[in-house]
Amino acid sequence: MRVTFLGTGTSYGIPMIGCDCEVCRSFSSYNKRLRSSILVSYNGRNVLIDTTPDLRYQMLRCGERHIDAVLFTHFHADHLFGLDDVRIFNHIQKSSIPCYGNAQTVDVIQRAFDYIFNPDTPKGGGLPKLELYEMNGHIDLFGEQVVPIEVLHGSVPILGFKWDNFAYITDCSDMPDQAVEVLRGIDTLVLNGLRYRPHSTHFSIEQACTLITERIKPKRAYLTHISHDVDHDNIQVTLPDNVSLAYDELVLDI
């Protein structure tokens, strides 16, 4: 399995428009963060987690030319509103693309992108061809079991996803005990760590590291969904030995 970090930033992306902080002015590639998303590749297939507004550039940058399925963590714009860009992959692959999310995400997709599902919509330059499924439990996806992990983003239930020895959780602010048990001892965990200051709907770096080192105890962990308060080099040296800041274009072989 190969995991490619397409983006590791917040909803604003980094650099942020109109910001002159040190991180936003930094020339370091580690501090340039598109909206958070990963591509999970295995058995000759590519599974995309979230369709960010940066999707077109993310896919051009990583060089992949097919998307075989999409998993949605939740319905917020920075994780969803690049959905129309999957239509080029329909054209390349000559097939529809299965998409999975919780009930609320499926509902938002059907309303926000109603033109995709309306048979009266003029075809014009083409429409995404999607097979939209509500994910209520584990699914078999290209020969591997994918388990949805329900966590909270503020008061909103959202999904993380677990393969056998890898899991991806973003935008989490509270993780139920049941989710911790499912993840405990996993080989590789990706978890959000926004900044050091507390936030109402995202784990801080300190909260994420405490959860990682004291409860989940993975062999290796990576933090994503990182704000412009975090300079990569300055913060990386403060983290526990088995925790790293993820960065755009990082590739993990698992």
Protein backbone atom coordinates (compact mmCIF):
# COMPACT_ATOMS: atom_id res chain seq x y z
CA MET A 1 0.00 0.00 0.00
CA ARG A 2 1.17 3.50 -0.84
CA VAL A 3 -0.26 6.65 0.76
CA THR A 4 0.30 10.01 -0.92
CA PHE A 5 -0.45 13.21 0.96
CA LEU A 6 -2.14 15.43 -1.61
CA GLY A 7 -2.64 18.20 0.95
CA THR A 8 -2.03 18.73 4.67
CA GLY A 9 -3.49 22.19 5.27
CA THR A 10 -6.61 23.76 6.71
CA SER A 11 -9.67 25.08 4.91
CA TYR A 12 -7.80 28.28 3.96
CA GLY A 13 -4.74 26.51 2.59
CA ILE A 14 -1.24 27.82 3.27
CA PRO A 15 -0.09 30.40 2.42
CA MET A 16 -3.32 32.14 3.37
CA ILE A 17 -4.58 34.99 1.24
CA GLY A 18 -3.80 38.31 2.94
CA CYS A 19 -1.52 36.86 5.63
CA ASP A 20 2.06 38.05 6.14
CA CYS A 21 3.04 35.69 8.98
CA GLU A 22 6.40 33.89 8.83
CA VAL A 23 4.87 30.59 7.75
CA CYS A 24 2.78 32.13 4.98
CA ARG A 25 5.87 33.99 3.72
CA SER A 26 8.11 30.95 4.10
CA PHE A 27 9.98 29.55 1.09
CA SER A 28 10.04 26.08 2.66
CA SER A 29 8.02 23.52 0.71
CA TYR A 30 7.10 21.92 4.04
CA ASN A 31 5.09 25.03 4.93
CA LYS A 32 3.10 25.11 1.69
CA ARG A 33 -0.07 23.17 2.39
CA LEU A 34 -3.03 22.53 0.11
CA ARG A 35 -6.36 21.43 1.59
CA SER A 36 -6.13 18.06 3.35
CA SER A 37 -6.54 14.89 1.31
CA ILE A 38 -4.71 11.63 0.65
CA LEU A 39 -4.57 9.05 -2.11
CA VAL A 40 -4.40 5.42 -0.98
CA SER A 41 -3.02 3.10 -3.66
CA TYR A 42 -3.11 -0.69 -3.52
CA ASN A 43 -3.86 -3.68 -5.74
CA GLY A 44 -3.49 -1.44 -8.77
CA ARG A 45 -6.27 0.91 -7.62
CA ASN A 46 -6.40 4.47 -6.28
CA VAL A 47 -8.78 5.43 -3.48
CA LEU A 48 -9.13 9.17 -2.91
CA ILE A 49 -10.09 10.50 0.51
CA ASP A 50 -11.98 13.79 0.06
CA THR A 51 -12.30 15.97 -3.03
CA THR A 52 -10.80 19.30 -2.01
CA PRO A 53 -11.06 22.57 -3.97
CA ASP A 54 -7.40 21.91 -4.86
CA LEU A 55 -8.13 18.50 -6.42
CA ARG A 56 -7.21 19.38 -10.00
CA TYR A 57 -3.77 20.67 -9.05
CA GLN A 58 -3.23 17.91 -6.48
CA MET A 59 -3.76 15.20 -9.08
CA LEU A 60 -1.62 16.96 -11.68
CA ARG A 61 1.14 17.33 -9.10
CA CYS A 62 1.17 13.70 -8.01
CA GLY A 63 0.93 12.44 -11.60
CA GLU A 64 -1.84 9.89 -11.06
CA ARG A 65 -4.36 9.54 -13.89
CA HIS A 66 -7.11 7.47 -12.37
CA ILE A 67 -9.37 7.52 -9.33
CA ASP A 68 -11.18 4.26 -8.65
CA ALA A 69 -13.23 5.28 -5.59
CA VAL A 70 -13.76 8.24 -3.27
CA LEU A 71 -14.25 8.16 0.50
CA PHE A 72 -15.61 11.31 2.13
CA THR A 73 -14.76 12.18 5.73
CA HIS A 74 -17.51 14.82 5.86
CA PHE A 75 -19.38 17.47 3.93
CA HIS A 76 -17.48 20.70 4.65
CA ALA A 77 -16.37 22.70 1.62
CA ASP A 78 -12.63 22.10 2.01
CA HIS A 79 -13.23 18.35 1.85
CA LEU A 80 -15.96 18.24 -0.78
CA PHE A 81 -16.11 21.15 -3.19
CA GLY A 82 -13.63 19.81 -5.74
CA LEU A 83 -16.05 17.01 -6.57
CA ASP A 84 -16.84 18.24 -10.07
CA ASP A 85 -13.20 17.74 -11.04
CA VAL A 86 -13.58 13.95 -10.92
CA ARG A 87 -15.39 14.06 -14.27
CA ILE A 88 -12.09 14.06 -16.16
CA PHE A 89 -11.38 10.69 -14.54
CA ASN A 90 -14.77 9.42 -15.73
CA HIS A 91 -13.66 10.42 -19.22
CA ILE A 92 -10.25 8.78 -18.93
CA GLN A 93 -11.56 5.59 -17.32
CA LYS A 94 -14.82 5.35 -19.28
CA SER A 95 -16.61 4.41 -16.07
CA SER A 96 -18.49 5.85 -13.11
CA ILE A 97 -16.76 6.29 -9.75
CA PRO A 98 -18.17 4.86 -6.49
CA CYS A 99 -18.30 7.42 -3.66
CA TYR A 100 -18.90 6.67 0.03
CA GLY A 101 -19.82 8.85 2.99
CA ASN A 102 -22.11 9.01 6.00
CA ALA A 103 -25.80 9.87 5.60
CA GLN A 104 -25.31 13.59 6.15
CA THR A 105 -22.51 13.80 3.60
CA VAL A 106 -24.51 11.90 0.99
CA ASP A 107 -27.44 14.26 1.56
CA VAL A 108 -25.25 17.36 1.18
CA ILE A 109 -23.68 16.01 -2.01
CA GLN A 110 -27.09 15.39 -3.53
CA ARG A 111 -28.25 18.92 -2.67
CA ALA A 112 -25.06 20.91 -3.29
CA PHE A 113 -24.37 19.10 -6.56
CA ASP A 114 -27.98 18.52 -7.58
CA TYR A 115 -27.13 19.17 -11.24
CA ILE A 116 -25.10 15.95 -11.28
CA PHE A 117 -28.13 13.87 -10.38
CA ASN A 118 -30.81 15.84 -12.27
CA PRO A 119 -31.58 14.10 -15.59
CA ASP A 120 -32.69 17.44 -17.06
CA THR A 121 -29.29 19.08 -16.55
CA PRO A 122 -27.71 20.08 -19.90
CA LYS A 123 -24.67 17.87 -20.43
CA GLY A 124 -22.44 20.65 -21.83
CA GLY A 125 -18.82 19.85 -21.07
CA GLY A 126 -19.79 16.72 -19.20
CA LEU A 127 -21.02 15.77 -15.75
CA PRO A 128 -19.39 13.64 -13.08
CA LYS A 129 -20.66 10.07 -13.16
CA LEU A 130 -20.91 8.93 -9.57
CA GLU A 131 -22.27 5.92 -7.72
CA LEU A 132 -23.16 7.43 -4.34
CA TYR A 133 -23.36 5.10 -1.33
CA GLU A 134 -24.10 5.64 2.35
CA MET A 135 -21.38 3.94 4.38
CA ASN A 136 -22.97 2.30 7.40
CA GLY A 137 -20.31 -0.30 8.09
CA HIS A 138 -17.19 -1.86 6.65
CA ILE A 139 -16.95 -2.38 2.91
CA ASP A 140 -14.79 -4.54 0.68
CA LEU A 141 -12.96 -2.18 -1.65
CA PHE A 142 -10.68 -3.70 -4.27
CA GLY A 143 -9.85 -6.73 -2.17
CA GLU A 144 -9.29 -4.93 1.13
CA GLN A 145 -11.69 -4.25 3.99
CA VAL A 146 -12.23 -0.57 4.77
CA VAL A 147 -13.71 0.22 8.19
CA PRO A 148 -15.40 3.58 8.86
CA ILE A 149 -14.37 5.16 12.17
CA GLU A 150 -16.96 7.60 13.54
CA VAL A 151 -15.50 10.57 15.43
CA LEU A 152 -16.71 14.08 16.23
CA HIS A 153 -15.83 17.34 14.49
CA GLY A 154 -17.25 19.72 17.10
CA SER A 155 -20.81 18.39 17.36
CA VAL A 156 -20.80 16.89 13.84
CA PRO A 157 -20.29 13.12 13.41
CA ILE A 158 -17.70 12.50 10.70
CA LEU A 159 -15.77 9.50 9.40
CA GLY A 160 -12.21 8.35 9.46
CA PHE A 161 -11.14 5.22 7.59
CA LYS A 162 -9.09 2.17 8.54
CA TRP A 163 -7.47 -0.46 6.41
CA ASP A 164 -5.72 -3.43 8.03
CA ASN A 165 -2.64 -1.56 9.31
CA PHE A 166 -3.34 2.05 8.30
CA ALA A 167 -5.91 4.65 9.39
CA TYR A 168 -6.71 8.23 8.43
CA ILE A 169 -8.59 10.60 10.76
CA THR A 170 -8.91 14.32 10.11
CA ASP A 171 -10.93 17.24 11.53
CA CYS A 172 -11.48 15.35 14.77
CA SER A 173 -12.08 17.10 18.10
CA ASP A 174 -13.30 14.12 20.13
CA MET A 175 -12.72 10.41 19.68
CA PRO A 176 -15.10 7.95 21.36
CA ASP A 177 -13.63 5.04 23.30
CA GLN A 178 -14.95 2.61 20.69
CA ALA A 179 -12.92 4.33 17.97
CA VAL A 180 -9.81 4.31 20.15
CA GLU A 181 -10.18 0.56 20.65
CA VAL A 182 -10.45 -0.07 16.91
CA LEU A 183 -7.29 1.96 16.28
CA ARG A 184 -5.18 0.83 19.23
CA GLY A 185 -1.76 -0.51 18.27
CA ILE A 186 -2.17 0.14 14.54
CA ASP A 187 1.02 0.35 12.49
CA THR A 188 0.44 3.76 10.88
CA LEU A 189 -2.02 6.45 11.97
CA VAL A 190 -2.71 9.83 10.38
CA LEU A 191 -4.46 12.23 12.77
CA ASN A 192 -5.21 15.93 12.64
CA GLY A 193 -3.19 18.37 14.73
CA LEU A 194 -4.17 21.95 13.97
CA ARG A 195 -1.86 24.06 16.16
CA TYR A 196 -0.79 24.33 19.80
CA ARG A 197 -3.58 26.68 20.86
CA PRO A 198 -6.89 24.92 21.64
CA HIS A 199 -9.64 24.91 19.01
CA SER A 200 -13.31 24.09 19.41
CA THR A 201 -13.61 21.69 16.46
CA HIS A 202 -10.10 20.31 15.85
CA PHE A 203 -7.51 18.58 18.01
CA SER A 204 -4.57 20.75 18.96
CA ILE A 205 -1.13 19.26 18.42
CA GLU A 206 -0.85 18.60 22.15
CA GLN A 207 -4.23 16.84 22.25
CA ALA A 208 -3.35 14.75 19.21
CA CYS A 209 0.02 13.73 20.62
CA THR A 210 -1.50 12.78 23.98
CA LEU A 211 -4.11 10.62 22.25
CA ILE A 212 -1.41 9.01 20.13
CA THR A 213 1.13 8.29 22.86
CA GLU A 214 -1.17 7.46 25.77
CA ARG A 215 -4.22 5.78 24.23
CA ILE A 216 -3.92 4.65 20.61
CA LYS A 217 -0.18 3.86 20.73
CA PRO A 218 0.47 3.30 17.01
CA LYS A 219 3.91 2.33 15.81
CA ARG A 220 4.05 5.51 13.74
CA ALA A 221 1.84 8.60 13.50
CA TYR A 222 1.61 11.60 11.20
CA LEU A 223 -0.19 14.87 11.88
CA THR A 224 -2.21 16.58 9.15
CA HIS A 225 -4.72 19.45 8.72
CA ILE A 226 -2.03 21.84 9.96
CA SER A 227 -2.53 25.60 10.32
CA HIS A 228 -0.25 28.52 9.50
CA ASP A 229 0.60 28.75 13.21
CA VAL A 230 2.88 25.75 12.67
CA ASP A 231 6.34 26.10 11.15
CA HIS A 232 7.34 22.61 10.09
CA ASP A 233 10.99 22.63 11.15
CA ASN A 234 10.41 24.40 14.46
CA ILE A 235 7.56 22.14 15.56
CA GLN A 236 8.85 18.81 14.25
CA VAL A 237 11.71 18.77 16.77
CA THR A 238 9.24 19.14 19.66
CA LEU A 239 7.16 16.06 18.80
CA PRO A 240 7.40 12.56 20.31
CA ASP A 241 9.84 10.23 18.55
CA ASN A 242 7.14 8.28 16.71
CA VAL A 243 5.14 11.34 15.59
CA SER A 244 5.89 13.45 12.51
CA LEU A 245 4.28 16.38 10.79
CA ALA A 246 2.99 15.26 7.41
CA TYR A 247 3.64 17.51 4.45
CA ASP A 248 2.33 17.84 0.91
CA GLU A 249 3.67 15.18 -1.48
CA LEU A 250 4.91 12.95 1.35
CA VAL A 251 4.61 9.30 0.26
CA LEU A 252 4.37 6.42 2.73
CA ASP A 253 4.95 2.80 1.76
CA ILE A 254 2.96 0.69 4.19
